[in-house]
Amino acid sequence: MQRRHRLSRSRDFDTVYRQGTSVSTRYLTLHWFPRDEDAEGEPRLGLAVPRSVGSAVVRNRVKRLLREAWSKLLPDVPLGKDYVLVARPGVAEPATARGRDWLAGEISEALDKVSS
């Protein structure tokens, strides 16, 4: 995933959390917020993997898998929005065992809830 597709500043995360909307699945919570100034721009993603998911090594592996799965789905993601994906406790084991294709399915499930 390229840098221009990432959320990196704390204020961007805060905007998505405070003013955005969210949906949850068993393993992920997806927050999103439409950008008014760039309504047709590329979607941007921020990742939050809390300590409750596991050790630093496990969290970094989950983040890497989430980035790969998001990149795979990027052509189907609605434009002009900022997203924050929050991993929930318990995601590490199935993500490691089943891989990025399984995570892509989990993210797709959350994105389907966004569009409906």
PDB file of N, CA and C in Angstrom:
ATOM      1  N   MET A   1       0.850  -1.177   0.000  1.00  0.00           N
ATOM      2  CA  MET A   1       0.000   0.000   0.000  1.00  0.00           C
ATOM      3  C   MET A   1       0.894   1.238   0.000  1.00  0.00           C
ATOM      4  N   GLN A   2       0.638   2.151  -0.898  1.00  0.00           N
ATOM      5  CA  GLN A   2       1.453   3.350  -1.019  1.00  0.00           C
ATOM      6  C   GLN A   2       1.128   4.345   0.088  1.00  0.00           C
ATOM      7  N   ARG A   3       2.086   5.211   0.380  1.00  0.00           N
ATOM      8  CA  ARG A   3       1.914   6.188   1.459  1.00  0.00           C
ATOM      9  C   ARG A   3       0.716   7.109   1.255  1.00  0.00           C
ATOM     10  N   ARG A   4       0.423   7.444   0.029  1.00  0.00           N
ATOM     11  CA  ARG A   4      -0.706   8.355  -0.218  1.00  0.00           C
ATOM     12  C   ARG A   4      -2.043   7.711   0.126  1.00  0.00           C
ATOM     13  N   HIS A   5      -2.056   6.391   0.291  1.00  0.00           N
ATOM     14  CA  HIS A   5      -3.276   5.668   0.654  1.00  0.00           C
ATOM     15  C   HIS A   5      -3.369   5.410   2.148  1.00  0.00           C
ATOM     16  N   ARG A   6      -2.498   6.056   2.955  1.00  0.00           N
ATOM     17  CA  ARG A   6      -2.471   5.804   4.392  1.00  0.00           C
ATOM     18  C   ARG A   6      -2.870   7.039   5.192  1.00  0.00           C
ATOM     19  N   LEU A   7      -3.494   6.796   6.316  1.00  0.00           N
ATOM     20  CA  LEU A   7      -3.696   7.837   7.314  1.00  0.00           C
ATOM     21  C   LEU A   7      -2.508   7.755   8.255  1.00  0.00           C
ATOM     22  N   SER A   8      -1.903   8.885   8.546  1.00  0.00           N
ATOM     23  CA  SER A   8      -0.743   8.827   9.431  1.00  0.00           C
ATOM     24  C   SER A   8      -0.827   9.832  10.575  1.00  0.00           C
ATOM     25  N   ARG A   9      -1.554  10.919  10.394  1.00  0.00           N
ATOM     26  CA  ARG A   9      -1.614  11.936  11.442  1.00  0.00           C
ATOM     27  C   ARG A   9      -2.704  11.632  12.459  1.00  0.00           C
ATOM     28  N   SER A  10      -2.396  11.929  13.693  1.00  0.00           N
ATOM     29  CA  SER A  10      -3.322  11.680  14.785  1.00  0.00           C
ATOM     30  C   SER A  10      -4.643  12.413  14.566  1.00  0.00           C
ATOM     31  N   ARG A  11      -4.598  13.615  14.034  1.00  0.00           N
ATOM     32  CA  ARG A  11      -5.842  14.377  13.845  1.00  0.00           C
ATOM     33  C   ARG A  11      -6.738  13.730  12.787  1.00  0.00           C
ATOM     34  N   ASP A  12      -6.133  13.042  11.786  1.00  0.00           N
ATOM     35  CA  ASP A  12      -6.937  12.322  10.803  1.00  0.00           C
ATOM     36  C   ASP A  12      -7.672  11.149  11.453  1.00  0.00           C
ATOM     37  N   PHE A  13      -6.973  10.407  12.310  1.00  0.00           N
ATOM     38  CA  PHE A  13      -7.600   9.317  13.047  1.00  0.00           C
ATOM     39  C   PHE A  13      -8.718   9.854  13.933  1.00  0.00           C
ATOM     40  N   ASP A  14      -8.445  10.953  14.639  1.00  0.00           N
ATOM     41  CA  ASP A  14      -9.455  11.543  15.527  1.00  0.00           C
ATOM     42  C   ASP A  14     -10.703  11.953  14.764  1.00  0.00           C
ATOM     43  N   THR A  15     -10.526  12.537  13.579  1.00  0.00           N
ATOM     44  CA  THR A  15     -11.671  12.943  12.766  1.00  0.00           C
ATOM     45  C   THR A  15     -12.520  11.740  12.394  1.00  0.00           C
ATOM     46  N   VAL A  16     -11.880  10.678  11.965  1.00  0.00           N
ATOM     47  CA  VAL A  16     -12.621   9.475  11.567  1.00  0.00           C
ATOM     48  C   VAL A  16     -13.352   8.885  12.772  1.00  0.00           C
ATOM     49  N   TYR A  17     -12.682   8.809  13.924  1.00  0.00           N
ATOM     50  CA  TYR A  17     -13.311   8.242  15.115  1.00  0.00           C
ATOM     51  C   TYR A  17     -14.475   9.100  15.608  1.00  0.00           C
ATOM     52  N   ARG A  18     -14.284  10.407  15.669  1.00  0.00           N
ATOM     53  CA  ARG A  18     -15.287  11.285  16.282  1.00  0.00           C
ATOM     54  C   ARG A  18     -16.452  11.632  15.370  1.00  0.00           C
ATOM     55  N   GLN A  19     -16.171  11.866  14.086  1.00  0.00           N
ATOM     56  CA  GLN A  19     -17.212  12.346  13.184  1.00  0.00           C
ATOM     57  C   GLN A  19     -17.693  11.287  12.205  1.00  0.00           C
ATOM     58  N   GLY A  20     -17.014  10.155  12.191  1.00  0.00           N
ATOM     59  CA  GLY A  20     -17.352   9.108  11.234  1.00  0.00           C
ATOM     60  C   GLY A  20     -18.373   8.123  11.769  1.00  0.00           C
ATOM     61  N   THR A  21     -18.551   7.073  10.997  1.00  0.00           N
ATOM     62  CA  THR A  21     -19.485   6.004  11.309  1.00  0.00           C
ATOM     63  C   THR A  21     -18.694   4.707  11.393  1.00  0.00           C
ATOM     64  N   SER A  22     -19.234   3.701  12.062  1.00  0.00           N
ATOM     65  CA  SER A  22     -18.503   2.447  12.170  1.00  0.00           C
ATOM     66  C   SER A  22     -19.430   1.248  12.047  1.00  0.00           C
ATOM     67  N   VAL A  23     -18.838   0.139  11.620  1.00  0.00           N
ATOM     68  CA  VAL A  23     -19.500  -1.161  11.599  1.00  0.00           C
ATOM     69  C   VAL A  23     -18.510  -2.174  12.154  1.00  0.00           C
ATOM     70  N   SER A  24     -19.039  -3.248  12.714  1.00  0.00           N
ATOM     71  CA  SER A  24     -18.174  -4.265  13.296  1.00  0.00           C
ATOM     72  C   SER A  24     -18.503  -5.632  12.741  1.00  0.00           C
ATOM     73  N   THR A  25     -17.460  -6.439  12.652  1.00  0.00           N
ATOM     74  CA  THR A  25     -17.613  -7.859  12.381  1.00  0.00           C
ATOM     75  C   THR A  25     -17.021  -8.577  13.585  1.00  0.00           C
ATOM     76  N   ARG A  26     -16.934  -9.870  13.525  1.00  0.00           N
ATOM     77  CA  ARG A  26     -16.396 -10.635  14.653  1.00  0.00           C
ATOM     78  C   ARG A  26     -14.957 -10.241  14.966  1.00  0.00           C
ATOM     79  N   TYR A  27     -14.151  -9.970  13.949  1.00  0.00           N
ATOM     80  CA  TYR A  27     -12.721  -9.729  14.142  1.00  0.00           C
ATOM     81  C   TYR A  27     -12.261  -8.304  13.847  1.00  0.00           C
ATOM     82  N   LEU A  28     -13.090  -7.492  13.197  1.00  0.00           N
ATOM     83  CA  LEU A  28     -12.668  -6.145  12.790  1.00  0.00           C
ATOM     84  C   LEU A  28     -13.756  -5.123  13.068  1.00  0.00           C
ATOM     85  N   THR A  29     -13.327  -3.898  13.306  1.00  0.00           N
ATOM     86  CA  THR A  29     -14.232  -2.755  13.336  1.00  0.00           C
ATOM     87  C   THR A  29     -13.733  -1.786  12.279  1.00  0.00           C
ATOM     88  N   LEU A  30     -14.640  -1.334  11.417  1.00  0.00           N
ATOM     89  CA  LEU A  30     -14.278  -0.408  10.345  1.00  0.00           C
ATOM     90  C   LEU A  30     -14.961   0.924  10.594  1.00  0.00           C
ATOM     91  N   HIS A  31     -14.153   1.965  10.765  1.00  0.00           N
ATOM     92  CA  HIS A  31     -14.653   3.331  10.907  1.00  0.00           C
ATOM     93  C   HIS A  31     -14.409   4.032   9.570  1.00  0.00           C
ATOM     94  N   TRP A  32     -15.340   4.901   9.153  1.00  0.00           N
ATOM     95  CA  TRP A  32     -15.114   5.662   7.933  1.00  0.00           C
ATOM     96  C   TRP A  32     -15.710   7.046   8.062  1.00  0.00           C
ATOM     97  N   PHE A  33     -15.147   7.947   7.248  1.00  0.00           N
ATOM     98  CA  PHE A  33     -15.573   9.342   7.250  1.00  0.00           C
ATOM     99  C   PHE A  33     -15.385   9.895   5.841  1.00  0.00           C
ATOM    100  N   PRO A  34     -16.435  10.475   5.235  1.00  0.00           N
ATOM    101  CA  PRO A  34     -16.289  11.036   3.888  1.00  0.00           C
ATOM    102  C   PRO A  34     -15.490  12.338   3.915  1.00  0.00           C
ATOM    103  N   ARG A  35     -14.571  12.470   2.987  1.00  0.00           N
ATOM    104  CA  ARG A  35     -13.778  13.698   2.862  1.00  0.00           C
ATOM    105  C   ARG A  35     -14.498  14.648   1.914  1.00  0.00           C
ATOM    106  N   ASP A  36     -14.906  15.798   2.412  1.00  0.00           N
ATOM    107  CA  ASP A  36     -15.613  16.767   1.580  1.00  0.00           C
ATOM    108  C   ASP A  36     -14.684  17.456   0.594  1.00  0.00           C
ATOM    109  N   GLU A  37     -13.446  17.731   1.030  1.00  0.00           N
ATOM    110  CA  GLU A  37     -12.522  18.472   0.172  1.00  0.00           C
ATOM    111  C   GLU A  37     -11.985  17.634  -0.987  1.00  0.00           C
ATOM    112  N   ASP A  38     -12.107  16.305  -0.903  1.00  0.00           N
ATOM    113  CA  ASP A  38     -11.568  15.422  -1.947  1.00  0.00           C
ATOM    114  C   ASP A  38     -12.534  14.260  -2.150  1.00  0.00           C
ATOM    115  N   ALA A  39     -13.732  14.565  -2.647  1.00  0.00           N
ATOM    116  CA  ALA A  39     -14.798  13.577  -2.734  1.00  0.00           C
ATOM    117  C   ALA A  39     -14.514  12.459  -3.732  1.00  0.00           C
ATOM    118  N   GLU A  40     -13.651  12.681  -4.697  1.00  0.00           N
ATOM    119  CA  GLU A  40     -13.328  11.653  -5.685  1.00  0.00           C
ATOM    120  C   GLU A  40     -11.902  11.144  -5.535  1.00  0.00           C
ATOM    121  N   GLY A  41     -11.263  11.473  -4.418  1.00  0.00           N
ATOM    122  CA  GLY A  41      -9.884  11.059  -4.200  1.00  0.00           C
ATOM    123  C   GLY A  41      -9.764   9.604  -3.772  1.00  0.00           C
ATOM    124  N   GLU A  42      -8.544   9.124  -3.812  1.00  0.00           N
ATOM    125  CA  GLU A  42      -8.260   7.753  -3.409  1.00  0.00           C
ATOM    126  C   GLU A  42      -8.640   7.544  -1.944  1.00  0.00           C
ATOM    127  N   PRO A  43      -9.171   6.376  -1.612  1.00  0.00           N
ATOM    128  CA  PRO A  43      -9.464   6.088  -0.202  1.00  0.00           C
ATOM    129  C   PRO A  43      -8.168   5.944   0.594  1.00  0.00           C
ATOM    130  N   ARG A  44      -8.186   6.416   1.836  1.00  0.00           N
ATOM    131  CA  ARG A  44      -7.008   6.306   2.701  1.00  0.00           C
ATOM    132  C   ARG A  44      -7.349   5.405   3.881  1.00  0.00           C
ATOM    133  N   LEU A  45      -6.354   4.640   4.342  1.00  0.00           N
ATOM    134  CA  LEU A  45      -6.560   3.675   5.403  1.00  0.00           C
ATOM    135  C   LEU A  45      -5.608   3.915   6.560  1.00  0.00           C
ATOM    136  N   GLY A  46      -6.144   3.819   7.764  1.00  0.00           N
ATOM    137  CA  GLY A  46      -5.342   3.807   8.974  1.00  0.00           C
ATOM    138  C   GLY A  46      -5.601   2.489   9.693  1.00  0.00           C
ATOM    139  N   LEU A  47      -4.580   1.960  10.331  1.00  0.00           N
ATOM    140  CA  LEU A  47      -4.715   0.690  11.038  1.00  0.00           C
ATOM    141  C   LEU A  47      -4.507   0.901  12.526  1.00  0.00           C
ATOM    142  N   ALA A  48      -5.320   0.237  13.320  1.00  0.00           N
ATOM    143  CA  ALA A  48      -5.159   0.246  14.769  1.00  0.00           C
ATOM    144  C   ALA A  48      -5.220  -1.200  15.241  1.00  0.00           C
ATOM    145  N   VAL A  49      -4.105  -1.666  15.775  1.00  0.00           N
ATOM    146  CA  VAL A  49      -4.033  -3.032  16.298  1.00  0.00           C
ATOM    147  C   VAL A  49      -3.608  -2.915  17.760  1.00  0.00           C
ATOM    148  N   PRO A  50      -4.564  -3.001  18.684  1.00  0.00           N
ATOM    149  CA  PRO A  50      -4.260  -2.785  20.102  1.00  0.00           C
ATOM    150  C   PRO A  50      -3.440  -3.921  20.715  1.00  0.00           C
ATOM    151  N   ARG A  51      -2.887  -3.651  21.867  1.00  0.00           N
ATOM    152  CA  ARG A  51      -2.060  -4.637  22.579  1.00  0.00           C
ATOM    153  C   ARG A  51      -2.818  -5.900  22.925  1.00  0.00           C
ATOM    154  N   SER A  52      -4.130  -5.798  23.048  1.00  0.00           N
ATOM    155  CA  SER A  52      -4.917  -6.975  23.396  1.00  0.00           C
ATOM    156  C   SER A  52      -4.892  -8.035  22.299  1.00  0.00           C
ATOM    157  N   VAL A  53      -4.427  -7.674  21.103  1.00  0.00           N
ATOM    158  CA  VAL A  53      -4.326  -8.637  20.005  1.00  0.00           C
ATOM    159  C   VAL A  53      -3.138  -9.569  20.218  1.00  0.00           C
ATOM    160  N   GLY A  54      -2.059  -9.059  20.798  1.00  0.00           N
ATOM    161  CA  GLY A  54      -0.899  -9.915  21.045  1.00  0.00           C
ATOM    162  C   GLY A  54       0.366  -9.102  21.228  1.00  0.00           C
ATOM    163  N   SER A  55       1.489  -9.796  21.165  1.00  0.00           N
ATOM    164  CA  SER A  55       2.789  -9.141  21.318  1.00  0.00           C
ATOM    165  C   SER A  55       3.081  -8.253  20.108  1.00  0.00           C
ATOM    166  N   ALA A  56       4.170  -7.508  20.175  1.00  0.00           N
ATOM    167  CA  ALA A  56       4.535  -6.603  19.078  1.00  0.00           C
ATOM    168  C   ALA A  56       4.734  -7.372  17.778  1.00  0.00           C
ATOM    169  N   VAL A  57       5.336  -8.536  17.867  1.00  0.00           N
ATOM    170  CA  VAL A  57       5.569  -9.347  16.668  1.00  0.00           C
ATOM    171  C   VAL A  57       4.233  -9.752  16.043  1.00  0.00           C
ATOM    172  N   VAL A  58       3.300 -10.172  16.858  1.00  0.00           N
ATOM    173  CA  VAL A  58       1.984 -10.595  16.381  1.00  0.00           C
ATOM    174  C   VAL A  58       1.228  -9.401  15.793  1.00  0.00           C
ATOM    175  N   ARG A  59       1.259  -8.267  16.494  1.00  0.00           N
ATOM    176  CA  ARG A  59       0.562  -7.074  15.998  1.00  0.00           C
ATOM    177  C   ARG A  59       1.123  -6.622  14.661  1.00  0.00           C
ATOM    178  N   ASN A  60       2.431  -6.641  14.508  1.00  0.00           N
ATOM    179  CA  ASN A  60       3.033  -6.230  13.241  1.00  0.00           C
ATOM    180  C   ASN A  60       2.662  -7.199  12.121  1.00  0.00           C
ATOM    181  N   ARG A  61       2.599  -8.481  12.413  1.00  0.00           N
ATOM    182  CA  ARG A  61       2.187  -9.460  11.403  1.00  0.00           C
ATOM    183  C   ARG A  61       0.748  -9.195  10.978  1.00  0.00           C
ATOM    184  N   VAL A  62      -0.130  -8.926  11.944  1.00  0.00           N
ATOM    185  CA  VAL A  62      -1.536  -8.643  11.635  1.00  0.00           C
ATOM    186  C   VAL A  62      -1.632  -7.377  10.787  1.00  0.00           C
ATOM    187  N   LYS A  63      -0.867  -6.344  11.133  1.00  0.00           N
ATOM    188  CA  LYS A  63      -0.892  -5.109  10.334  1.00  0.00           C
ATOM    189  C   LYS A  63      -0.440  -5.372   8.906  1.00  0.00           C
ATOM    190  N   ARG A  64       0.621  -6.152   8.751  1.00  0.00           N
ATOM    191  CA  ARG A  64       1.117  -6.461   7.408  1.00  0.00           C
ATOM    192  C   ARG A  64       0.058  -7.203   6.599  1.00  0.00           C
ATOM    193  N   LEU A  65      -0.592  -8.191   7.220  1.00  0.00           N
ATOM    194  CA  LEU A  65      -1.640  -8.935   6.522  1.00  0.00           C
ATOM    195  C   LEU A  65      -2.837  -8.047   6.179  1.00  0.00           C
ATOM    196  N   LEU A  66      -3.197  -7.152   7.087  1.00  0.00           N
ATOM    197  CA  LEU A  66      -4.304  -6.226   6.806  1.00  0.00           C
ATOM    198  C   LEU A  66      -3.982  -5.309   5.638  1.00  0.00           C
ATOM    199  N   ARG A  67      -2.748  -4.796   5.595  1.00  0.00           N
ATOM    200  CA  ARG A  67      -2.335  -3.936   4.475  1.00  0.00           C
ATOM    201  C   ARG A  67      -2.392  -4.692   3.154  1.00  0.00           C
ATOM    202  N   GLU A  68      -1.912  -5.927   3.144  1.00  0.00           N
ATOM    203  CA  GLU A  68      -1.942  -6.730   1.922  1.00  0.00           C
ATOM    204  C   GLU A  68      -3.377  -7.002   1.475  1.00  0.00           C
ATOM    205  N   ALA A  69      -4.243  -7.343   2.414  1.00  0.00           N
ATOM    206  CA  ALA A  69      -5.642  -7.607   2.081  1.00  0.00           C
ATOM    207  C   ALA A  69      -6.324  -6.348   1.567  1.00  0.00           C
ATOM    208  N   TRP A  70      -6.045  -5.200   2.191  1.00  0.00           N
ATOM    209  CA  TRP A  70      -6.635  -3.931   1.755  1.00  0.00           C
ATOM    210  C   TRP A  70      -6.179  -3.593   0.339  1.00  0.00           C
ATOM    211  N   SER A  71      -4.905  -3.797   0.053  1.00  0.00           N
ATOM    212  CA  SER A  71      -4.378  -3.514  -1.290  1.00  0.00           C
ATOM    213  C   SER A  71      -5.093  -4.350  -2.341  1.00  0.00           C
ATOM    214  N   LYS A  72      -5.395  -5.582  -1.995  1.00  0.00           N
ATOM    215  CA  LYS A  72      -6.111  -6.466  -2.914  1.00  0.00           C
ATOM    216  C   LYS A  72      -7.519  -5.937  -3.198  1.00  0.00           C
ATOM    217  N   LEU A  73      -8.144  -5.333  -2.190  1.00  0.00           N
ATOM    218  CA  LEU A  73      -9.523  -4.840  -2.313  1.00  0.00           C
ATOM    219  C   LEU A  73      -9.619  -3.397  -2.816  1.00  0.00           C
ATOM    220  N   LEU A  74      -8.513  -2.706  -2.905  1.00  0.00           N
ATOM    221  CA  LEU A  74      -8.512  -1.270  -3.193  1.00  0.00           C
ATOM    222  C   LEU A  74      -9.347  -0.859  -4.415  1.00  0.00           C
ATOM    223  N   PRO A  75      -9.340  -1.610  -5.516  1.00  0.00           N
ATOM    224  CA  PRO A  75     -10.172  -1.191  -6.660  1.00  0.00           C
ATOM    225  C   PRO A  75     -11.671  -1.158  -6.357  1.00  0.00           C
ATOM    226  N   ASP A  76     -12.120  -1.930  -5.362  1.00  0.00           N
ATOM    227  CA  ASP A  76     -13.550  -1.998  -5.038  1.00  0.00           C
ATOM    228  C   ASP A  76     -13.967  -1.086  -3.889  1.00  0.00           C
ATOM    229  N   VAL A  77     -13.014  -0.380  -3.289  1.00  0.00           N
ATOM    230  CA  VAL A  77     -13.304   0.465  -2.134  1.00  0.00           C
ATOM    231  C   VAL A  77     -13.863   1.806  -2.622  1.00  0.00           C
ATOM    232  N   PRO A  78     -14.974   2.266  -2.021  1.00  0.00           N
ATOM    233  CA  PRO A  78     -15.545   3.564  -2.431  1.00  0.00           C
ATOM    234  C   PRO A  78     -14.548   4.711  -2.273  1.00  0.00           C
ATOM    235  N   LEU A  79     -14.555   5.621  -3.240  1.00  0.00           N
ATOM    236  CA  LEU A  79     -13.624   6.754  -3.260  1.00  0.00           C
ATOM    237  C   LEU A  79     -14.047   7.844  -2.288  1.00  0.00           C
ATOM    238  N   GLY A  80     -13.093   8.716  -1.963  1.00  0.00           N
ATOM    239  CA  GLY A  80     -13.376   9.919  -1.202  1.00  0.00           C
ATOM    240  C   GLY A  80     -13.632   9.723   0.277  1.00  0.00           C
ATOM    241  N   LYS A  81     -13.175   8.611   0.832  1.00  0.00           N
ATOM    242  CA  LYS A  81     -13.398   8.368   2.259  1.00  0.00           C
ATOM    243  C   LYS A  81     -12.090   7.999   2.937  1.00  0.00           C
ATOM    244  N   ASP A  82     -12.034   8.313   4.229  1.00  0.00           N
ATOM    245  CA  ASP A  82     -10.939   7.852   5.075  1.00  0.00           C
ATOM    246  C   ASP A  82     -11.483   6.691   5.905  1.00  0.00           C
ATOM    247  N   TYR A  83     -10.672   5.657   6.045  1.00  0.00           N
ATOM    248  CA  TYR A  83     -11.065   4.462   6.792  1.00  0.00           C
ATOM    249  C   TYR A  83     -10.047   4.181   7.888  1.00  0.00           C
ATOM    250  N   VAL A  84     -10.529   3.661   8.995  1.00  0.00           N
ATOM    251  CA  VAL A  84      -9.651   3.137  10.047  1.00  0.00           C
ATOM    252  C   VAL A  84     -10.146   1.734  10.364  1.00  0.00           C
ATOM    253  N   LEU A  85      -9.254   0.768  10.191  1.00  0.00           N
ATOM    254  CA  LEU A  85      -9.545  -0.626  10.520  1.00  0.00           C
ATOM    255  C   LEU A  85      -8.964  -0.927  11.890  1.00  0.00           C
ATOM    256  N   VAL A  86      -9.804  -1.360  12.804  1.00  0.00           N
ATOM    257  CA  VAL A  86      -9.364  -1.704  14.152  1.00  0.00           C
ATOM    258  C   VAL A  86      -9.485  -3.214  14.306  1.00  0.00           C
ATOM    259  N   ALA A  87      -8.361  -3.850  14.589  1.00  0.00           N
ATOM    260  CA  ALA A  87      -8.361  -5.294  14.822  1.00  0.00           C
ATOM    261  C   ALA A  87      -8.900  -5.563  16.216  1.00  0.00           C
ATOM    262  N   ARG A  88      -9.681  -6.607  16.350  1.00  0.00           N
ATOM    263  CA  ARG A  88     -10.245  -6.978  17.642  1.00  0.00           C
ATOM    264  C   ARG A  88      -9.492  -8.186  18.197  1.00  0.00           C
ATOM    265  N   PRO A  89      -9.505  -8.350  19.498  1.00  0.00           N
ATOM    266  CA  PRO A  89      -8.812  -9.514  20.083  1.00  0.00           C
ATOM    267  C   PRO A  89      -9.321 -10.818  19.464  1.00  0.00           C
ATOM    268  N   GLY A  90      -8.399 -11.696  19.177  1.00  0.00           N
ATOM    269  CA  GLY A  90      -8.762 -12.976  18.580  1.00  0.00           C
ATOM    270  C   GLY A  90      -8.514 -13.051  17.095  1.00  0.00           C
ATOM    271  N   VAL A  91      -8.144 -11.948  16.469  1.00  0.00           N
ATOM    272  CA  VAL A  91      -7.939 -11.949  15.023  1.00  0.00           C
ATOM    273  C   VAL A  91      -6.595 -12.556  14.624  1.00  0.00           C
ATOM    274  N   ALA A  92      -5.625 -12.544  15.503  1.00  0.00           N
ATOM    275  CA  ALA A  92      -4.264 -12.950  15.139  1.00  0.00           C
ATOM    276  C   ALA A  92      -4.173 -14.412  14.711  1.00  0.00           C
ATOM    277  N   GLU A  93      -4.769 -15.293  15.475  1.00  0.00           N
ATOM    278  CA  GLU A  93      -4.646 -16.718  15.162  1.00  0.00           C
ATOM    279  C   GLU A  93      -5.281 -17.086  13.819  1.00  0.00           C
ATOM    280  N   PRO A  94      -6.553 -16.727  13.554  1.00  0.00           N
ATOM    281  CA  PRO A  94      -7.113 -17.069  12.239  1.00  0.00           C
ATOM    282  C   PRO A  94      -6.445 -16.309  11.094  1.00  0.00           C
ATOM    283  N   ALA A  95      -5.994 -15.095  11.335  1.00  0.00           N
ATOM    284  CA  ALA A  95      -5.328 -14.338  10.276  1.00  0.00           C
ATOM    285  C   ALA A  95      -4.023 -15.009   9.879  1.00  0.00           C
ATOM    286  N   THR A  96      -3.284 -15.490  10.855  1.00  0.00           N
ATOM    287  CA  THR A  96      -2.022 -16.162  10.567  1.00  0.00           C
ATOM    288  C   THR A  96      -2.270 -17.509   9.897  1.00  0.00           C
ATOM    289  N   ALA A  97      -3.269 -18.227  10.367  1.00  0.00           N
ATOM    290  CA  ALA A  97      -3.541 -19.563   9.829  1.00  0.00           C
ATOM    291  C   ALA A  97      -4.155 -19.510   8.431  1.00  0.00           C
ATOM    292  N   ARG A  98      -5.070 -18.583   8.210  1.00  0.00           N
ATOM    293  CA  ARG A  98      -5.817 -18.548   6.943  1.00  0.00           C
ATOM    294  C   ARG A  98      -5.267 -17.556   5.934  1.00  0.00           C
ATOM    295  N   GLY A  99      -4.511 -16.553   6.374  1.00  0.00           N
ATOM    296  CA  GLY A  99      -3.839 -15.648   5.454  1.00  0.00           C
ATOM    297  C   GLY A  99      -4.645 -14.450   5.010  1.00  0.00           C
ATOM    298  N   ARG A 100      -4.063 -13.738   4.052  1.00  0.00           N
ATOM    299  CA  ARG A 100      -4.637 -12.455   3.629  1.00  0.00           C
ATOM    300  C   ARG A 100      -5.940 -12.605   2.869  1.00  0.00           C
ATOM    301  N   ASP A 101      -6.143 -13.743   2.191  1.00  0.00           N
ATOM    302  CA  ASP A 101      -7.402 -13.930   1.470  1.00  0.00           C
ATOM    303  C   ASP A 101      -8.583 -13.994   2.440  1.00  0.00           C
ATOM    304  N   TRP A 102      -8.385 -14.645   3.579  1.00  0.00           N
ATOM    305  CA  TRP A 102      -9.427 -14.690   4.597  1.00  0.00           C
ATOM    306  C   TRP A 102      -9.681 -13.288   5.148  1.00  0.00           C
ATOM    307  N   LEU A 103      -8.589 -12.552   5.422  1.00  0.00           N
ATOM    308  CA  LEU A 103      -8.740 -11.178   5.924  1.00  0.00           C
ATOM    309  C   LEU A 103      -9.437 -10.295   4.900  1.00  0.00           C
ATOM    310  N   ALA A 104      -9.129 -10.491   3.622  1.00  0.00           N
ATOM    311  CA  ALA A 104      -9.800  -9.717   2.570  1.00  0.00           C
ATOM    312  C   ALA A 104     -11.305  -9.975   2.616  1.00  0.00           C
ATOM    313  N   GLY A 105     -11.693 -11.205   2.877  1.00  0.00           N
ATOM    314  CA  GLY A 105     -13.119 -11.524   3.014  1.00  0.00           C
ATOM    315  C   GLY A 105     -13.749 -10.835   4.206  1.00  0.00           C
ATOM    316  N   GLU A 106     -13.017 -10.788   5.319  1.00  0.00           N
ATOM    317  CA  GLU A 106     -13.514 -10.097   6.510  1.00  0.00           C
ATOM    318  C   GLU A 106     -13.676  -8.597   6.249  1.00  0.00           C
ATOM    319  N   ILE A 107     -12.700  -8.006   5.576  1.00  0.00           N
ATOM    320  CA  ILE A 107     -12.770  -6.575   5.250  1.00  0.00           C
ATOM    321  C   ILE A 107     -13.916  -6.328   4.269  1.00  0.00           C
ATOM    322  N   SER A 108     -14.083  -7.212   3.289  1.00  0.00           N
ATOM    323  CA  SER A 108     -15.187  -7.073   2.331  1.00  0.00           C
ATOM    324  C   SER A 108     -16.533  -7.105   3.026  1.00  0.00           C
ATOM    325  N   GLU A 109     -16.649  -7.973   4.023  1.00  0.00           N
ATOM    326  CA  GLU A 109     -17.896  -8.059   4.781  1.00  0.00           C
ATOM    327  C   GLU A 109     -18.205  -6.710   5.463  1.00  0.00           C
ATOM    328  N   ALA A 110     -17.174  -6.096   6.036  1.00  0.00           N
ATOM    329  CA  ALA A 110     -17.371  -4.787   6.665  1.00  0.00           C
ATOM    330  C   ALA A 110     -17.677  -3.713   5.630  1.00  0.00           C
ATOM    331  N   LEU A 111     -16.997  -3.754   4.483  1.00  0.00           N
ATOM    332  CA  LEU A 111     -17.252  -2.764   3.422  1.00  0.00           C
ATOM    333  C   LEU A 111     -18.656  -2.910   2.856  1.00  0.00           C
ATOM    334  N   ASP A 112     -19.169  -4.133   2.797  1.00  0.00           N
ATOM    335  CA  ASP A 112     -20.545  -4.333   2.325  1.00  0.00           C
ATOM    336  C   ASP A 112     -21.540  -3.643   3.245  1.00  0.00           C
ATOM    337  N   LYS A 113     -21.250  -3.656   4.547  1.00  0.00           N
ATOM    338  CA  LYS A 113     -22.111  -2.975   5.511  1.00  0.00           C
ATOM    339  C   LYS A 113     -22.041  -1.462   5.339  1.00  0.00           C
ATOM    340  N   VAL A 114     -20.884  -0.953   4.870  1.00  0.00           N
ATOM    341  CA  VAL A 114     -20.712   0.484   4.633  1.00  0.00           C
ATOM    342  C   VAL A 114     -21.624   0.928   3.509  1.00  0.00           C
ATOM    343  N   SER A 115     -21.662   0.171   2.431  1.00  0.00           N
ATOM    344  CA  SER A 115     -22.402   0.582   1.246  1.00  0.00           C
ATOM    345  C   SER A 115     -23.900   0.340   1.362  1.00  0.00           C
ATOM    346  N   SER A 116     -24.328  -0.456   2.364  1.00  0.00           N
ATOM    347  CA  SER A 116     -25.776  -0.705   2.485  1.00  0.00           C
ATOM    348  C   SER A 116     -26.424   0.183   3.514  1.00  0.00           C
TER     349      SER A 116
END
